[in-house]
């Protein structure tokens, strides 16, 4: 069974999702996406000053770039990839998100 055999929605949804993720990647790499990071945008200014916003945006930019590549591979390889690749992709997404949160909260603090 291939990945395309378990796809139930229209193909354009995948490309719109990829477009949104690419937009987020560009925003984060440009350094203007810090307001989109959940939790960071609600911090008081005193707490925000403890974090390097450029470094934080770069970390989230790399995380979203990984998601972009994964979505693109799944969209282009739907006729080749086996159906169980969905589970591999889910684990990769969860590890990526956990890594972004960990690195963002630990490594992006000012010393």
N, C-alpha and C. Protein backbone atom coordinates (compact mmCIF):
# COMPACT_ATOMS: atom_id res chain seq x y z
N UNK A 1 0.85 -1.17 0.00
CA UNK A 1 0.00 0.00 0.00
C UNK A 1 0.90 1.24 0.00
N UNK A 2 0.54 2.18 -0.82
CA UNK A 2 1.30 3.42 -0.96
C UNK A 2 0.63 4.54 -0.17
N UNK A 3 1.35 5.63 -0.01
CA UNK A 3 0.85 6.79 0.71
C UNK A 3 -0.38 7.39 0.03
N UNK A 4 -0.41 7.35 -1.30
CA UNK A 4 -1.56 7.92 -2.02
C UNK A 4 -2.83 7.11 -1.81
N UNK A 5 -2.71 5.84 -1.39
CA UNK A 5 -3.89 5.00 -1.17
C UNK A 5 -4.66 5.39 0.09
N UNK A 6 -4.00 6.05 1.02
CA UNK A 6 -4.68 6.42 2.26
C UNK A 6 -5.01 7.91 2.31
N UNK A 7 -4.77 8.61 1.21
CA UNK A 7 -5.07 10.04 1.15
C UNK A 7 -6.55 10.21 0.82
N UNK A 8 -7.26 11.00 1.64
CA UNK A 8 -8.69 11.17 1.46
C UNK A 8 -9.09 12.58 1.05
N UNK A 9 -8.24 13.54 1.26
CA UNK A 9 -8.58 14.93 0.98
C UNK A 9 -8.06 15.37 -0.37
N UNK A 10 -8.42 16.58 -0.77
CA UNK A 10 -7.91 17.10 -2.04
C UNK A 10 -6.42 17.43 -1.95
N UNK A 11 -5.75 17.35 -3.07
CA UNK A 11 -4.30 17.57 -3.14
C UNK A 11 -3.91 19.01 -2.82
N UNK A 12 -4.78 19.98 -3.11
CA UNK A 12 -4.43 21.38 -2.91
C UNK A 12 -4.24 21.72 -1.43
N UNK A 13 -4.84 20.95 -0.54
CA UNK A 13 -4.70 21.21 0.89
C UNK A 13 -3.23 21.05 1.32
N UNK A 14 -2.57 20.06 0.77
CA UNK A 14 -1.16 19.83 1.10
C UNK A 14 -0.31 21.01 0.65
N UNK A 15 -0.60 21.51 -0.56
CA UNK A 15 0.20 22.61 -1.10
C UNK A 15 -0.08 23.92 -0.37
N UNK A 16 -1.30 24.13 0.07
CA UNK A 16 -1.60 25.32 0.87
C UNK A 16 -0.90 25.24 2.23
N UNK A 17 -0.92 24.05 2.84
CA UNK A 17 -0.21 23.86 4.10
C UNK A 17 1.29 24.08 3.95
N UNK A 18 1.85 23.61 2.84
CA UNK A 18 3.27 23.83 2.57
C UNK A 18 3.55 25.32 2.38
N UNK A 19 2.64 26.02 1.70
CA UNK A 19 2.81 27.46 1.50
C UNK A 19 2.80 28.22 2.81
N UNK A 20 1.90 27.84 3.72
CA UNK A 20 1.85 28.48 5.04
C UNK A 20 3.13 28.22 5.82
N UNK A 21 3.62 26.98 5.77
CA UNK A 21 4.86 26.66 6.47
C UNK A 21 6.05 27.40 5.86
N UNK A 22 6.08 27.53 4.53
CA UNK A 22 7.15 28.29 3.89
C UNK A 22 7.10 29.76 4.30
N UNK A 23 5.90 30.32 4.40
CA UNK A 23 5.75 31.70 4.84
C UNK A 23 6.27 31.88 6.27
N UNK A 24 5.94 30.92 7.13
CA UNK A 24 6.43 30.98 8.51
C UNK A 24 7.96 30.88 8.55
N UNK A 25 8.53 30.03 7.69
CA UNK A 25 9.99 29.90 7.63
C UNK A 25 10.63 31.21 7.24
N UNK A 26 10.08 31.87 6.23
CA UNK A 26 10.63 33.15 5.79
C UNK A 26 10.50 34.20 6.90
N UNK A 27 9.36 34.22 7.57
CA UNK A 27 9.17 35.18 8.66
C UNK A 27 10.18 34.96 9.79
N UNK A 28 10.38 33.71 10.15
CA UNK A 28 11.32 33.42 11.24
C UNK A 28 12.75 33.73 10.84
N UNK A 29 13.15 33.36 9.62
CA UNK A 29 14.53 33.64 9.19
C UNK A 29 14.78 35.13 9.01
N UNK A 30 13.74 35.91 8.75
CA UNK A 30 13.92 37.36 8.63
C UNK A 30 13.98 38.03 10.00
N UNK A 31 13.66 37.29 11.06
CA UNK A 31 13.73 37.84 12.41
C UNK A 31 12.47 38.56 12.85
N UNK A 32 11.43 38.50 12.05
CA UNK A 32 10.20 39.22 12.37
C UNK A 32 9.08 38.32 12.89
N UNK A 33 9.36 37.06 13.15
CA UNK A 33 8.31 36.13 13.55
C UNK A 33 8.23 35.85 15.03
N UNK A 34 8.94 36.60 15.85
CA UNK A 34 8.94 36.29 17.29
C UNK A 34 7.56 36.47 17.91
N UNK A 35 6.72 37.31 17.33
CA UNK A 35 5.37 37.49 17.85
C UNK A 35 4.47 36.30 17.58
N UNK A 36 4.91 35.37 16.73
CA UNK A 36 4.12 34.19 16.41
C UNK A 36 4.47 32.98 17.29
N UNK A 37 5.46 33.12 18.13
CA UNK A 37 5.87 32.02 19.00
C UNK A 37 4.98 32.04 20.23
N UNK A 38 4.24 30.96 20.40
CA UNK A 38 3.30 30.87 21.53
C UNK A 38 4.05 30.93 22.85
N UNK A 39 3.57 31.71 23.75
CA UNK A 39 4.20 31.89 25.04
C UNK A 39 5.17 33.05 25.06
N UNK A 40 5.94 33.19 24.01
CA UNK A 40 6.90 34.30 23.95
C UNK A 40 6.18 35.62 23.73
N UNK A 41 5.12 35.59 22.91
CA UNK A 41 4.41 36.84 22.62
C UNK A 41 3.59 37.34 23.80
N UNK A 42 3.32 36.50 24.78
CA UNK A 42 2.54 36.92 25.94
C UNK A 42 3.41 37.26 27.15
N UNK A 43 4.71 37.08 27.01
CA UNK A 43 5.62 37.40 28.12
C UNK A 43 5.70 38.90 28.34
N UNK A 44 5.89 39.30 29.58
CA UNK A 44 6.16 40.73 29.82
C UNK A 44 7.52 41.11 29.22
N UNK A 45 7.70 42.37 28.97
CA UNK A 45 8.93 42.85 28.33
C UNK A 45 10.18 42.50 29.14
N UNK A 46 10.03 42.46 30.46
CA UNK A 46 11.15 42.12 31.33
C UNK A 46 11.62 40.68 31.08
N UNK A 47 10.66 39.78 30.87
CA UNK A 47 10.99 38.39 30.59
C UNK A 47 11.53 38.22 29.16
N UNK A 48 10.97 38.97 28.22
CA UNK A 48 11.42 38.88 26.82
C UNK A 48 12.87 39.33 26.70
N UNK A 49 13.29 40.23 27.55
CA UNK A 49 14.66 40.73 27.49
C UNK A 49 15.68 39.65 27.86
N UNK A 50 15.24 38.58 28.50
CA UNK A 50 16.13 37.48 28.87
C UNK A 50 16.46 36.57 27.70
N UNK A 51 15.76 36.73 26.57
CA UNK A 51 15.94 35.86 25.41
C UNK A 51 16.52 36.64 24.24
N UNK A 52 17.34 35.98 23.45
CA UNK A 52 17.88 36.54 22.23
C UNK A 52 16.85 36.26 21.12
N UNK A 53 16.12 37.31 20.71
CA UNK A 53 15.03 37.12 19.76
C UNK A 53 15.52 36.65 18.40
N UNK A 54 16.64 37.14 17.94
CA UNK A 54 17.18 36.71 16.64
C UNK A 54 17.54 35.24 16.65
N UNK A 55 18.16 34.80 17.73
CA UNK A 55 18.53 33.39 17.85
C UNK A 55 17.28 32.52 17.96
N UNK A 56 16.29 32.99 18.70
CA UNK A 56 15.03 32.27 18.85
C UNK A 56 14.32 32.13 17.51
N UNK A 57 14.29 33.20 16.75
CA UNK A 57 13.67 33.15 15.41
C UNK A 57 14.44 32.21 14.49
N UNK A 58 15.75 32.20 14.59
CA UNK A 58 16.56 31.31 13.76
C UNK A 58 16.29 29.84 14.10
N UNK A 59 16.15 29.54 15.39
CA UNK A 59 15.85 28.17 15.81
C UNK A 59 14.50 27.73 15.24
N UNK A 60 13.51 28.58 15.37
CA UNK A 60 12.19 28.23 14.85
C UNK A 60 12.19 28.21 13.32
N UNK A 61 13.02 29.02 12.70
CA UNK A 61 13.14 29.00 11.24
C UNK A 61 13.70 27.67 10.76
N UNK A 62 14.73 27.16 11.42
CA UNK A 62 15.28 25.86 11.05
C UNK A 62 14.28 24.75 11.31
N UNK A 63 13.52 24.86 12.40
CA UNK A 63 12.49 23.85 12.68
C UNK A 63 11.42 23.83 11.60
N UNK A 64 10.97 25.00 11.18
CA UNK A 64 9.97 25.06 10.12
C UNK A 64 10.55 24.66 8.77
N UNK A 65 11.83 24.92 8.52
CA UNK A 65 12.46 24.48 7.28
C UNK A 65 12.47 22.95 7.21
N UNK A 66 12.72 22.31 8.34
CA UNK A 66 12.65 20.85 8.37
C UNK A 66 11.24 20.37 8.06
N UNK A 67 10.23 21.04 8.62
CA UNK A 67 8.84 20.67 8.33
C UNK A 67 8.52 20.89 6.85
N UNK A 68 9.04 21.97 6.28
CA UNK A 68 8.81 22.24 4.85
C UNK A 68 9.35 21.10 4.00
N UNK A 69 10.56 20.67 4.30
CA UNK A 69 11.18 19.59 3.52
C UNK A 69 10.39 18.29 3.69
N UNK A 70 9.95 18.01 4.90
CA UNK A 70 9.19 16.79 5.15
C UNK A 70 7.86 16.80 4.40
N UNK A 71 7.16 17.91 4.43
CA UNK A 71 5.88 18.01 3.71
C UNK A 71 6.11 17.90 2.21
N UNK A 72 7.16 18.52 1.71
CA UNK A 72 7.45 18.45 0.28
C UNK A 72 7.79 17.03 -0.15
N UNK A 73 8.57 16.32 0.64
CA UNK A 73 8.90 14.92 0.33
C UNK A 73 7.63 14.07 0.32
N UNK A 74 6.75 14.29 1.28
CA UNK A 74 5.52 13.50 1.34
C UNK A 74 4.59 13.85 0.18
N UNK A 75 4.54 15.11 -0.22
CA UNK A 75 3.66 15.52 -1.32
C UNK A 75 4.16 14.99 -2.65
N UNK A 76 5.45 15.08 -2.87
CA UNK A 76 6.01 14.63 -4.15
C UNK A 76 6.17 13.12 -4.22
N UNK A 77 6.34 12.48 -3.09
CA UNK A 77 6.58 11.04 -3.08
C UNK A 77 5.38 10.21 -2.68
N UNK A 78 4.18 10.75 -2.83
CA UNK A 78 3.01 10.01 -2.37
C UNK A 78 2.77 8.72 -3.14
N UNK A 79 3.24 8.64 -4.38
CA UNK A 79 3.07 7.42 -5.17
C UNK A 79 4.20 6.42 -4.94
N UNK A 80 5.23 6.81 -4.25
CA UNK A 80 6.39 5.97 -4.02
C UNK A 80 6.50 5.52 -2.56
N UNK A 81 6.20 6.43 -1.65
CA UNK A 81 6.37 6.15 -0.22
C UNK A 81 5.34 5.15 0.28
N UNK A 82 5.75 4.25 1.16
CA UNK A 82 4.78 3.32 1.74
C UNK A 82 3.85 4.03 2.72
N UNK A 83 2.72 3.42 3.00
CA UNK A 83 1.71 4.03 3.87
C UNK A 83 2.23 4.21 5.30
N UNK A 84 3.12 3.32 5.74
CA UNK A 84 3.61 3.43 7.12
C UNK A 84 4.52 4.64 7.31
N UNK A 85 4.90 5.31 6.23
CA UNK A 85 5.73 6.50 6.35
C UNK A 85 5.01 7.62 7.09
N UNK A 86 3.68 7.55 7.14
CA UNK A 86 2.91 8.55 7.89
C UNK A 86 3.32 8.51 9.36
N UNK A 87 3.52 7.32 9.90
CA UNK A 87 3.92 7.20 11.30
C UNK A 87 5.33 7.71 11.52
N UNK A 88 6.21 7.44 10.58
CA UNK A 88 7.58 7.96 10.67
C UNK A 88 7.55 9.49 10.62
N UNK A 89 6.75 10.05 9.72
CA UNK A 89 6.64 11.51 9.62
C UNK A 89 6.07 12.11 10.89
N UNK A 90 5.08 11.45 11.49
CA UNK A 90 4.50 11.95 12.73
C UNK A 90 5.54 12.00 13.84
N UNK A 91 6.36 10.96 13.97
CA UNK A 91 7.41 10.95 14.98
C UNK A 91 8.43 12.05 14.69
N UNK A 92 8.77 12.23 13.41
CA UNK A 92 9.74 13.27 13.04
C UNK A 92 9.19 14.66 13.37
N UNK A 93 7.91 14.88 13.14
CA UNK A 93 7.29 16.17 13.45
C UNK A 93 7.30 16.41 14.95
N UNK A 94 6.94 15.41 15.73
CA UNK A 94 6.92 15.56 17.19
C UNK A 94 8.31 15.83 17.75
N UNK A 95 9.32 15.13 17.23
CA UNK A 95 10.69 15.36 17.68
C UNK A 95 11.16 16.76 17.28
N UNK A 96 10.78 17.20 16.08
CA UNK A 96 11.15 18.55 15.62
C UNK A 96 10.52 19.62 16.51
N UNK A 97 9.26 19.47 16.81
CA UNK A 97 8.57 20.46 17.65
C UNK A 97 9.14 20.47 19.06
N UNK A 98 9.38 19.26 19.62
CA UNK A 98 9.98 19.20 20.95
C UNK A 98 11.37 19.81 20.95
N UNK A 99 12.13 19.58 19.88
CA UNK A 99 13.46 20.16 19.77
C UNK A 99 13.42 21.67 19.67
N UNK A 100 12.47 22.20 18.90
CA UNK A 100 12.34 23.66 18.80
C UNK A 100 12.02 24.26 20.16
N UNK A 101 11.12 23.63 20.89
CA UNK A 101 10.74 24.16 22.20
C UNK A 101 11.91 24.08 23.17
N UNK A 102 12.61 22.95 23.18
CA UNK A 102 13.74 22.78 24.11
C UNK A 102 14.87 23.75 23.79
N UNK A 103 15.29 23.78 22.54
CA UNK A 103 16.40 24.65 22.17
C UNK A 103 16.02 26.11 22.33
N UNK A 104 14.77 26.44 22.00
CA UNK A 104 14.31 27.82 22.16
C UNK A 104 14.28 28.27 23.60
N UNK A 105 13.93 27.38 24.51
CA UNK A 105 13.82 27.78 25.91
C UNK A 105 15.14 27.67 26.67
N UNK A 106 16.06 26.84 26.21
CA UNK A 106 17.31 26.64 26.94
C UNK A 106 18.48 27.38 26.29
N UNK A 107 18.65 27.21 25.01
CA UNK A 107 19.84 27.73 24.33
C UNK A 107 19.70 29.18 23.90
N UNK A 108 18.50 29.72 23.88
CA UNK A 108 18.30 31.10 23.40
C UNK A 108 18.23 32.13 24.51
N UNK A 109 18.51 31.72 25.75
CA UNK A 109 18.52 32.67 26.86
C UNK A 109 19.83 33.43 26.84
N UNK A 110 19.73 34.71 27.14
CA UNK A 110 20.93 35.53 27.25
C UNK A 110 21.66 35.15 28.54
N UNK A 111 22.94 35.23 28.50
CA UNK A 111 23.73 34.85 29.69
C UNK A 111 24.24 36.07 30.40
